[in-house]
PDB file of N, CA and C in Angstrom:
ATOM      1  N   HIS A   1     -53.880  21.235 -42.974  1.00  0.00           N
ATOM      2  CA  HIS A   1     -53.304  19.914 -42.831  1.00  0.00           C
ATOM      3  C   HIS A   1     -51.779  19.951 -43.037  1.00  0.00           C
ATOM      4  N   GLU A   2     -51.358  20.692 -44.074  1.00  0.00           N
ATOM      5  CA  GLU A   2     -49.918  20.799 -44.347  1.00  0.00           C
ATOM      6  C   GLU A   2     -49.195  21.543 -43.240  1.00  0.00           C
ATOM      7  N   GLN A   3     -49.854  22.523 -42.673  1.00  0.00           N
ATOM      8  CA  GLN A   3     -49.248  23.278 -41.579  1.00  0.00           C
ATOM      9  C   GLN A   3     -49.056  22.360 -40.359  1.00  0.00           C
ATOM     10  N   LEU A   4     -50.000  21.535 -40.078  1.00  0.00           N
ATOM     11  CA  LEU A   4     -49.904  20.579 -38.991  1.00  0.00           C
ATOM     12  C   LEU A   4     -48.770  19.607 -39.258  1.00  0.00           C
ATOM     13  N   LEU A   5     -48.674  19.140 -40.488  1.00  0.00           N
ATOM     14  CA  LEU A   5     -47.600  18.230 -40.877  1.00  0.00           C
ATOM     15  C   LEU A   5     -46.233  18.899 -40.703  1.00  0.00           C
ATOM     16  N   LYS A   6     -46.139  20.163 -41.105  1.00  0.00           N
ATOM     17  CA  LYS A   6     -44.882  20.901 -40.972  1.00  0.00           C
ATOM     18  C   LYS A   6     -44.518  21.061 -39.486  1.00  0.00           C
ATOM     19  N   MET A   7     -45.519  21.363 -38.648  1.00  0.00           N
ATOM     20  CA  MET A   7     -45.267  21.488 -37.215  1.00  0.00           C
ATOM     21  C   MET A   7     -44.790  20.158 -36.623  1.00  0.00           C
ATOM     22  N   MET A   8     -45.394  19.102 -37.057  1.00  0.00           N
ATOM     23  CA  MET A   8     -45.003  17.771 -36.580  1.00  0.00           C
ATOM     24  C   MET A   8     -43.575  17.441 -37.005  1.00  0.00           C
ATOM     25  N   GLU A   9     -43.219  17.797 -38.224  1.00  0.00           N
ATOM     26  CA  GLU A   9     -41.847  17.566 -38.713  1.00  0.00           C
ATOM     27  C   GLU A   9     -40.846  18.364 -37.890  1.00  0.00           C
ATOM     28  N   GLU A  10     -41.206  19.632 -37.598  1.00  0.00           N
ATOM     29  CA  GLU A  10     -40.317  20.478 -36.795  1.00  0.00           C
ATOM     30  C   GLU A  10     -40.155  19.899 -35.378  1.00  0.00           C
ATOM     31  N   ARG A  11     -41.241  19.457 -34.799  1.00  0.00           N
ATOM     32  CA  ARG A  11     -41.172  18.848 -33.472  1.00  0.00           C
ATOM     33  C   ARG A  11     -40.329  17.576 -33.505  1.00  0.00           C
ATOM     34  N   MET A  12     -40.514  16.802 -34.548  1.00  0.00           N
ATOM     35  CA  MET A  12     -39.742  15.562 -34.689  1.00  0.00           C
ATOM     36  C   MET A  12     -38.251  15.860 -34.828  1.00  0.00           C
ATOM     37  N   MET A  13     -37.926  16.881 -35.623  1.00  0.00           N
ATOM     38  CA  MET A  13     -36.518  17.260 -35.781  1.00  0.00           C
ATOM     39  C   MET A  13     -35.955  17.744 -34.439  1.00  0.00           C
ATOM     40  N   ASP A  14     -36.761  18.504 -33.697  1.00  0.00           N
ATOM     41  CA  ASP A  14     -36.339  18.998 -32.388  1.00  0.00           C
ATOM     42  C   ASP A  14     -36.097  17.826 -31.428  1.00  0.00           C
ATOM     43  N   VAL A  15     -37.016  16.876 -31.435  1.00  0.00           N
ATOM     44  CA  VAL A  15     -36.873  15.699 -30.578  1.00  0.00           C
ATOM     45  C   VAL A  15     -35.638  14.898 -30.982  1.00  0.00           C
ATOM     46  N   GLU A  16     -35.396  14.730 -32.274  1.00  0.00           N
ATOM     47  CA  GLU A  16     -34.221  13.997 -32.752  1.00  0.00           C
ATOM     48  C   GLU A  16     -32.934  14.711 -32.320  1.00  0.00           C
ATOM     49  N   GLN A  17     -32.954  16.041 -32.425  1.00  0.00           N
ATOM     50  CA  GLN A  17     -31.770  16.805 -32.012  1.00  0.00           C
ATOM     51  C   GLN A  17     -31.522  16.624 -30.518  1.00  0.00           C
ATOM     52  N   LYS A  18     -32.581  16.697 -29.732  1.00  0.00           N
ATOM     53  CA  LYS A  18     -32.445  16.492 -28.292  1.00  0.00           C
ATOM     54  C   LYS A  18     -31.969  15.073 -27.981  1.00  0.00           C
ATOM     55  N   LEU A  19     -32.474  14.113 -28.742  1.00  0.00           N
ATOM     56  CA  LEU A  19     -32.061  12.726 -28.558  1.00  0.00           C
ATOM     57  C   LEU A  19     -30.570  12.555 -28.867  1.00  0.00           C
ATOM     58  N   ARG A  20     -30.093  13.181 -29.937  1.00  0.00           N
ATOM     59  CA  ARG A  20     -28.657  13.113 -30.262  1.00  0.00           C
ATOM     60  C   ARG A  20     -27.822  13.743 -29.147  1.00  0.00           C
ATOM     61  N   LEU A  21     -28.308  14.853 -28.611  1.00  0.00           N
ATOM     62  CA  LEU A  21     -27.602  15.522 -27.518  1.00  0.00           C
ATOM     63  C   LEU A  21     -27.543  14.606 -26.295  1.00  0.00           C
ATOM     64  N   VAL A  22     -28.665  13.981 -25.962  1.00  0.00           N
ATOM     65  CA  VAL A  22     -28.710  13.079 -24.821  1.00  0.00           C
ATOM     66  C   VAL A  22     -27.773  11.894 -25.050  1.00  0.00           C
ATOM     67  N   LYS A  23     -27.764  11.360 -26.274  1.00  0.00           N
ATOM     68  CA  LYS A  23     -26.868  10.233 -26.583  1.00  0.00           C
ATOM     69  C   LYS A  23     -25.404  10.657 -26.434  1.00  0.00           C
ATOM     70  N   ARG A  24     -25.078  11.859 -26.902  1.00  0.00           N
ATOM     71  CA  ARG A  24     -23.702  12.345 -26.799  1.00  0.00           C
ATOM     72  C   ARG A  24     -23.321  12.532 -25.324  1.00  0.00           C
ATOM     73  N   LEU A  25     -24.224  13.108 -24.557  1.00  0.00           N
ATOM     74  CA  LEU A  25     -23.960  13.296 -23.122  1.00  0.00           C
ATOM     75  C   LEU A  25     -23.816  11.945 -22.420  1.00  0.00           C
ATOM     76  N   ARG A  26     -24.673  11.007 -22.799  1.00  0.00           N
ATOM     77  CA  ARG A  26     -24.595   9.666 -22.206  1.00  0.00           C
ATOM     78  C   ARG A  26     -23.260   9.008 -22.550  1.00  0.00           C
ATOM     79  N   GLN A  27     -22.820   9.144 -23.793  1.00  0.00           N
ATOM     80  CA  GLN A  27     -21.540   8.555 -24.204  1.00  0.00           C
ATOM     81  C   GLN A  27     -20.379   9.208 -23.462  1.00  0.00           C
ATOM     82  N   ASP A  28     -20.452  10.527 -23.284  1.00  0.00           N
ATOM     83  CA  ASP A  28     -19.415  11.225 -22.509  1.00  0.00           C
ATOM     84  C   ASP A  28     -19.357  10.677 -21.088  1.00  0.00           C
ATOM     85  N   LYS A  29     -20.526  10.467 -20.487  1.00  0.00           N
ATOM     86  CA  LYS A  29     -20.576   9.943 -19.128  1.00  0.00           C
ATOM     87  C   LYS A  29     -20.035   8.517 -19.076  1.00  0.00           C
ATOM     88  N   VAL A  30     -20.377   7.706 -20.079  1.00  0.00           N
ATOM     89  CA  VAL A  30     -19.860   6.336 -20.149  1.00  0.00           C
ATOM     90  C   VAL A  30     -18.342   6.363 -20.239  1.00  0.00           C
ATOM     91  N   ASN A  31     -17.805   7.226 -21.091  1.00  0.00           N
ATOM     92  CA  ASN A  31     -16.346   7.338 -21.228  1.00  0.00           C
ATOM     93  C   ASN A  31     -15.708   7.778 -19.912  1.00  0.00           C
ATOM     94  N   GLN A  32     -16.351   8.729 -19.248  1.00  0.00           N
ATOM     95  CA  GLN A  32     -15.835   9.214 -17.966  1.00  0.00           C
ATOM     96  C   GLN A  32     -15.834   8.082 -16.936  1.00  0.00           C
ATOM     97  N   LEU A  33     -16.899   7.313 -16.897  1.00  0.00           N
ATOM     98  CA  LEU A  33     -16.981   6.210 -15.933  1.00  0.00           C
ATOM     99  C   LEU A  33     -15.978   5.106 -16.256  1.00  0.00           C
ATOM    100  N   LYS A  34     -15.750   4.847 -17.539  1.00  0.00           N
ATOM    101  CA  LYS A  34     -14.744   3.845 -17.926  1.00  0.00           C
ATOM    102  C   LYS A  34     -13.364   4.286 -17.472  1.00  0.00           C
ATOM    103  N   GLU A  35     -13.068   5.572 -17.655  1.00  0.00           N
ATOM    104  CA  GLU A  35     -11.774   6.116 -17.225  1.00  0.00           C
ATOM    105  C   GLU A  35     -11.626   6.011 -15.713  1.00  0.00           C
ATOM    106  N   GLN A  36     -12.691   6.333 -14.991  1.00  0.00           N
ATOM    107  CA  GLN A  36     -12.655   6.246 -13.530  1.00  0.00           C
ATOM    108  C   GLN A  36     -12.474   4.802 -13.080  1.00  0.00           C
ATOM    109  N   LEU A  37     -13.142   3.876 -13.760  1.00  0.00           N
ATOM    110  CA  LEU A  37     -12.996   2.459 -13.437  1.00  0.00           C
ATOM    111  C   LEU A  37     -11.555   2.006 -13.642  1.00  0.00           C
ATOM    112  N   SER A  38     -10.956   2.466 -14.732  1.00  0.00           N
ATOM    113  CA  SER A  38      -9.560   2.114 -15.008  1.00  0.00           C
ATOM    114  C   SER A  38      -8.644   2.645 -13.901  1.00  0.00           C
ATOM    115  N   LYS A  39      -8.863   3.896 -13.502  1.00  0.00           N
ATOM    116  CA  LYS A  39      -8.055   4.476 -12.419  1.00  0.00           C
ATOM    117  C   LYS A  39      -8.263   3.714 -11.118  1.00  0.00           C
ATOM    118  N   ASN A  40      -9.518   3.377 -10.834  1.00  0.00           N
ATOM    119  CA  ASN A  40      -9.811   2.643  -9.601  1.00  0.00           C
ATOM    120  C   ASN A  40      -9.169   1.261  -9.609  1.00  0.00           C
ATOM    121  N   THR A  41      -9.164   0.616 -10.765  1.00  0.00           N
ATOM    122  CA  THR A  41      -8.544  -0.701 -10.879  1.00  0.00           C
ATOM    123  C   THR A  41      -7.039  -0.602 -10.625  1.00  0.00           C
ATOM    124  N   LYS A  42      -6.405   0.420 -11.203  1.00  0.00           N
ATOM    125  CA  LYS A  42      -4.975   0.620 -10.973  1.00  0.00           C
ATOM    126  C   LYS A  42      -4.698   0.909  -9.500  1.00  0.00           C
ATOM    127  N   ALA A  43      -5.533   1.752  -8.895  1.00  0.00           N
ATOM    128  CA  ALA A  43      -5.352   2.090  -7.481  1.00  0.00           C
ATOM    129  C   ALA A  43      -5.552   0.844  -6.611  1.00  0.00           C
ATOM    130  N   ASP A  44      -6.526   0.026  -6.961  1.00  0.00           N
ATOM    131  CA  ASP A  44      -6.782  -1.206  -6.207  1.00  0.00           C
ATOM    132  C   ASP A  44      -5.580  -2.139  -6.281  1.00  0.00           C
ATOM    133  N   THR A  45      -5.000  -2.253  -7.463  1.00  0.00           N
ATOM    134  CA  THR A  45      -3.813  -3.093  -7.639  1.00  0.00           C
ATOM    135  C   THR A  45      -2.651  -2.554  -6.804  1.00  0.00           C
ATOM    136  N   MET A  46      -2.481  -1.239  -6.817  1.00  0.00           N
ATOM    137  CA  MET A  46      -1.402  -0.638  -6.031  1.00  0.00           C
ATOM    138  C   MET A  46      -1.610  -0.875  -4.542  1.00  0.00           C
ATOM    139  N   VAL A  47      -2.847  -0.752  -4.081  1.00  0.00           N
ATOM    140  CA  VAL A  47      -3.143  -0.981  -2.659  1.00  0.00           C
ATOM    141  C   VAL A  47      -2.828  -2.427  -2.288  1.00  0.00           C
ATOM    142  N   LYS A  48      -3.223  -3.360  -3.149  1.00  0.00           N
ATOM    143  CA  LYS A  48      -2.933  -4.772  -2.879  1.00  0.00           C
ATOM    144  C   LYS A  48      -1.431  -5.016  -2.843  1.00  0.00           C
ATOM    145  N   ASP A  49      -0.696  -4.431  -3.796  1.00  0.00           N
ATOM    146  CA  ASP A  49       0.760  -4.584  -3.815  1.00  0.00           C
ATOM    147  C   ASP A  49       1.384  -4.007  -2.546  1.00  0.00           C
ATOM    148  N   LEU A  50       0.906  -2.829  -2.129  1.00  0.00           N
ATOM    149  CA  LEU A  50       1.431  -2.211  -0.916  1.00  0.00           C
ATOM    150  C   LEU A  50       1.099  -3.048   0.320  1.00  0.00           C
ATOM    151  N   TYR A  51      -0.072  -3.661   0.323  1.00  0.00           N
ATOM    152  CA  TYR A  51      -0.457  -4.526   1.440  1.00  0.00           C
ATOM    153  C   TYR A  51       0.499  -5.708   1.553  1.00  0.00           C
ATOM    154  N   VAL A  52       0.801  -6.325   0.404  1.00  0.00           N
ATOM    155  CA  VAL A  52       1.729  -7.464   0.396  1.00  0.00           C
ATOM    156  C   VAL A  52       3.123  -7.009   0.828  1.00  0.00           C
ATOM    157  N   GLU A  53       3.569  -5.877   0.272  1.00  0.00           N
ATOM    158  CA  GLU A  53       4.893  -5.361   0.624  1.00  0.00           C
ATOM    159  C   GLU A  53       4.961  -5.032   2.117  1.00  0.00           C
ATOM    160  N   ASN A  54       3.900  -4.444   2.643  1.00  0.00           N
ATOM    161  CA  ASN A  54       3.860  -4.120   4.071  1.00  0.00           C
ATOM    162  C   ASN A  54       3.960  -5.383   4.923  1.00  0.00           C
ATOM    163  N   ALA A  55       3.255  -6.429   4.522  1.00  0.00           N
ATOM    164  CA  ALA A  55       3.316  -7.696   5.266  1.00  0.00           C
ATOM    165  C   ALA A  55       4.741  -8.252   5.244  1.00  0.00           C
ATOM    166  N   GLN A  56       5.399  -8.171   4.087  1.00  0.00           N
ATOM    167  CA  GLN A  56       6.777  -8.653   3.979  1.00  0.00           C
ATOM    168  C   GLN A  56       7.712  -7.827   4.855  1.00  0.00           C
ATOM    169  N   LEU A  57       7.519  -6.509   4.853  1.00  0.00           N
ATOM    170  CA  LEU A  57       8.360  -5.637   5.675  1.00  0.00           C
ATOM    171  C   LEU A  57       8.143  -5.902   7.167  1.00  0.00           C
ATOM    172  N   LEU A  58       6.890  -6.144   7.553  1.00  0.00           N
ATOM    173  CA  LEU A  58       6.626  -6.458   8.959  1.00  0.00           C
ATOM    174  C   LEU A  58       7.309  -7.755   9.365  1.00  0.00           C
ATOM    175  N   LYS A  59       7.276  -8.747   8.509  1.00  0.00           N
ATOM    176  CA  LYS A  59       7.938 -10.031   8.790  1.00  0.00           C
ATOM    177  C   LYS A  59       9.450  -9.813   8.922  1.00  0.00           C
ATOM    178  N   ALA A  60      10.012  -9.033   7.995  1.00  0.00           N
ATOM    179  CA  ALA A  60      11.451  -8.749   8.060  1.00  0.00           C
ATOM    180  C   ALA A  60      11.793  -7.986   9.336  1.00  0.00           C
ATOM    181  N   LEU A  61      10.935  -7.053   9.739  1.00  0.00           N
ATOM    182  CA  LEU A  61      11.164  -6.298  10.973  1.00  0.00           C
ATOM    183  C   LEU A  61      11.124  -7.225  12.183  1.00  0.00           C
ATOM    184  N   GLU A  62      10.151  -8.122  12.214  1.00  0.00           N
ATOM    185  CA  GLU A  62      10.066  -9.086  13.321  1.00  0.00           C
ATOM    186  C   GLU A  62      11.329  -9.937  13.399  1.00  0.00           C
ATOM    187  N   MET A  63      11.802 -10.402  12.251  1.00  0.00           N
ATOM    188  CA  MET A  63      13.022 -11.223  12.235  1.00  0.00           C
ATOM    189  C   MET A  63      14.217 -10.408  12.711  1.00  0.00           C
ATOM    190  N   THR A  64      14.314  -9.161  12.275  1.00  0.00           N
ATOM    191  CA  THR A  64      15.421  -8.296  12.687  1.00  0.00           C
ATOM    192  C   THR A  64      15.372  -8.039  14.189  1.00  0.00           C
ATOM    193  N   GLU A  65      14.172  -7.778  14.705  1.00  0.00           N
ATOM    194  CA  GLU A  65      14.044  -7.561  16.146  1.00  0.00           C
ATOM    195  C   GLU A  65      14.436  -8.817  16.926  1.00  0.00           C
ATOM    196  N   GLN A  66      14.054  -9.977  16.413  1.00  0.00           N
ATOM    197  CA  GLN A  66      14.411 -11.233  17.075  1.00  0.00           C
ATOM    198  C   GLN A  66      15.928 -11.424  17.076  1.00  0.00           C
ATOM    199  N   ARG A  67      16.551 -11.120  15.940  1.00  0.00           N
ATOM    200  CA  ARG A  67      18.021 -11.229  15.867  1.00  0.00           C
ATOM    201  C   ARG A  67      18.680 -10.263  16.835  1.00  0.00           C
ATOM    202  N   GLN A  68      18.122  -9.051  16.942  1.00  0.00           N
ATOM    203  CA  GLN A  68      18.684  -8.068  17.856  1.00  0.00           C
ATOM    204  C   GLN A  68      18.578  -8.560  19.298  1.00  0.00           C
ATOM    205  N   LYS A  69      17.432  -9.115  19.668  1.00  0.00           N
ATOM    206  CA  LYS A  69      17.277  -9.639  21.027  1.00  0.00           C
ATOM    207  C   LYS A  69      18.269 -10.763  21.294  1.00  0.00           C
ATOM    208  N   THR A  70      18.444 -11.643  20.299  1.00  0.00           N
ATOM    209  CA  THR A  70      19.404 -12.738  20.450  1.00  0.00           C
ATOM    210  C   THR A  70      20.816 -12.184  20.610  1.00  0.00           C
ATOM    211  N   ALA A  71      21.172 -11.195  19.802  1.00  0.00           N
ATOM    212  CA  ALA A  71      22.506 -10.594  19.898  1.00  0.00           C
ATOM    213  C   ALA A  71      22.690  -9.913  21.251  1.00  0.00           C
ATOM    214  N   GLU A  72      21.652  -9.243  21.731  1.00  0.00           N
ATOM    215  CA  GLU A  72      21.754  -8.589  23.039  1.00  0.00           C
ATOM    216  C   GLU A  72      21.940  -9.618  24.153  1.00  0.00           C
ATOM    217  N   ARG A  73      21.213 -10.756  24.066  1.00  0.00           N
ATOM    218  CA  ARG A  73      21.383 -11.812  25.070  1.00  0.00           C
ATOM    219  C   ARG A  73      22.801 -12.372  25.023  1.00  0.00           C
ATOM    220  N   LYS A  74      23.297 -12.635  23.816  1.00  0.00           N
ATOM    221  CA  LYS A  74      24.659 -13.159  23.685  1.00  0.00           C
ATOM    222  C   LYS A  74      25.666 -12.148  24.210  1.00  0.00           C
ATOM    223  N   ASN A  75      25.462 -10.888  23.919  1.00  0.00           N
ATOM    224  CA  ASN A  75      26.351  -9.837  24.390  1.00  0.00           C
ATOM    225  C   ASN A  75      26.359  -9.789  25.912  1.00  0.00           C
ATOM    226  N   TYR A  76      25.181  -9.891  26.521  1.00  0.00           N
ATOM    227  CA  TYR A  76      25.086  -9.896  27.986  1.00  0.00           C
ATOM    228  C   TYR A  76      25.842 -11.081  28.574  1.00  0.00           C
ATOM    229  N   LEU A  77      25.644 -12.268  27.976  1.00  0.00           N
ATOM    230  CA  LEU A  77      26.345 -13.454  28.471  1.00  0.00           C
ATOM    231  C   LEU A  77      27.859 -13.310  28.318  1.00  0.00           C
ATOM    232  N   LEU A  78      28.300 -12.747  27.199  1.00  0.00           N
ATOM    233  CA  LEU A  78      29.737 -12.537  27.005  1.00  0.00           C
ATOM    234  C   LEU A  78      30.293 -11.553  28.034  1.00  0.00           C
ATOM    235  N   GLU A  79      29.523 -10.493  28.319  1.00  0.00           N
ATOM    236  CA  GLU A  79      29.969  -9.529  29.314  1.00  0.00           C
ATOM    237  C   GLU A  79      30.074 -10.192  30.690  1.00  0.00           C
ATOM    238  N   GLU A  80      29.125 -11.061  31.000  1.00  0.00           N
ATOM    239  CA  GLU A  80      29.197 -11.797  32.272  1.00  0.00           C
ATOM    240  C   GLU A  80      30.432 -12.695  32.297  1.00  0.00           C
ATOM    241  N   LYS A  81      30.708 -13.380  31.197  1.00  0.00           N
ATOM    242  CA  LYS A  81      31.882 -14.259  31.137  1.00  0.00           C
ATOM    243  C   LYS A  81      33.154 -13.450  31.296  1.00  0.00           C
ATOM    244  N   ILE A  82      33.211 -12.282  30.645  1.00  0.00           N
ATOM    245  CA  ILE A  82      34.391 -11.415  30.763  1.00  0.00           C
ATOM    246  C   ILE A  82      34.571 -10.979  32.217  1.00  0.00           C
ATOM    247  N   ALA A  83      33.475 -10.599  32.849  1.00  0.00           N
ATOM    248  CA  ALA A  83      33.554 -10.169  34.251  1.00  0.00           C
ATOM    249  C   ALA A  83      34.031 -11.329  35.120  1.00  0.00           C
ATOM    250  N   ASN A  84      33.512 -12.520  34.881  1.00  0.00           N
ATOM    251  CA  ASN A  84      33.946 -13.698  35.655  1.00  0.00           C
ATOM    252  C   ASN A  84      35.413 -14.011  35.386  1.00  0.00           C
ATOM    253  N   LEU A  85      35.839 -13.942  34.138  1.00  0.00           N
ATOM    254  CA  LEU A  85      37.243 -14.193  33.805  1.00  0.00           C
ATOM    255  C   LEU A  85      38.145 -13.149  34.460  1.00  0.00           C
ATOM    256  N   ASN A  86      37.692 -11.894  34.460  1.00  0.00           N
ATOM    257  CA  ASN A  86      38.475 -10.840  35.114  1.00  0.00           C
ATOM    258  C   ASN A  86      38.604 -11.113  36.607  1.00  0.00           C
ATOM    259  N   ARG A  87      37.537 -11.596  37.230  1.00  0.00           N
ATOM    260  CA  ARG A  87      37.590 -11.943  38.648  1.00  0.00           C
ATOM    261  C   ARG A  87      38.567 -13.096  38.886  1.00  0.00           C
ATOM    262  N   ILE A  88      38.490 -14.097  38.001  1.00  0.00           N
ATOM    263  CA  ILE A  88      39.387 -15.254  38.138  1.00  0.00           C
ATOM    264  C   ILE A  88      40.837 -14.810  37.979  1.00  0.00           C
ATOM    265  N   VAL A  89      41.101 -13.995  36.965  1.00  0.00           N
ATOM    266  CA  VAL A  89      42.471 -13.507  36.741  1.00  0.00           C
ATOM    267  C   VAL A  89      42.930 -12.673  37.937  1.00  0.00           C
ATOM    268  N   LYS A  90      42.049 -11.847  38.461  1.00  0.00           N
ATOM    269  CA  LYS A  90      42.391 -11.018  39.608  1.00  0.00           C
ATOM    270  C   LYS A  90      42.689 -11.885  40.822  1.00  0.00           C
ATOM    271  N   ASN A  91      41.883 -12.947  41.024  1.00  0.00           N
ATOM    272  CA  ASN A  91      42.112 -13.858  42.154  1.00  0.00           C
ATOM    273  C   ASN A  91      43.405 -14.640  41.972  1.00  0.00           C
ATOM    274  N   LEU A  92      43.695 -15.036  40.742  1.00  0.00           N
ATOM    275  CA  LEU A  92      44.928 -15.788  40.479  1.00  0.00           C
ATOM    276  C   LEU A  92      46.157 -14.891  40.631  1.00  0.00           C
ATOM    277  N   ALA A  93      46.017 -13.661  40.186  1.00  0.00           N
ATOM    278  CA  ALA A  93      47.147 -12.742  40.270  1.00  0.00           C
ATOM    279  C   ALA A  93      47.339 -12.208  41.675  1.00  0.00           C
ATOM    280  N   SER A  94      46.308 -12.128  42.440  1.00  0.00           N
ATOM    281  CA  SER A  94      46.368 -11.579  43.781  1.00  0.00           C
ATOM    282  C   SER A  94      47.307 -12.374  44.708  1.00  0.00           C
ATOM    283  N   PRO A  95      47.271 -13.710  44.779  1.00  0.00           N
ATOM    284  CA  PRO A  95      48.189 -14.432  45.655  1.00  0.00           C
ATOM    285  C   PRO A  95      49.639 -14.325  45.195  1.00  0.00           C
ATOM    286  N   SER A  96      49.869 -14.154  43.917  1.00  0.00           N
ATOM    287  CA  SER A  96      51.263 -14.090  43.479  1.00  0.00           C
ATOM    288  C   SER A  96      51.899 -12.762  43.868  1.00  0.00           C
ATOM    289  N   PHE A  97      51.106 -11.727  44.089  1.00  0.00           N
ATOM    290  CA  PHE A  97      51.669 -10.451  44.540  1.00  0.00           C
ATOM    291  C   PHE A  97      51.924 -10.467  46.037  1.00  0.00           C
ATOM    292  N   ASN A  98      51.236 -11.339  46.772  1.00  0.00           N
ATOM    293  CA  ASN A  98      51.425 -11.384  48.226  1.00  0.00           C
ATOM    294  C   ASN A  98      52.623 -12.131  48.579  1.00  0.00           C
TER     295      ASN A  98
END
């Protein structure tokens, strides 16, 4: 009877030791997952910030392109006016040389 009791105690101690090991491994995994969650949260925040920044940059690019097109149109019109003025000056100066 005592031998059976001793065997049961040894088995119980073995089971308790295994249980402590499993608890320690589980806690390690929990800590690892918490760390990963923290990293993922930071990465998610960075992605959201980059998304907002990208949208702002695209808007600024669109505005810059629009300004460039407007400047190019104005430049073209000015060049046409200069050409017309040069023609007028040439026509005005031409009779005075004759």
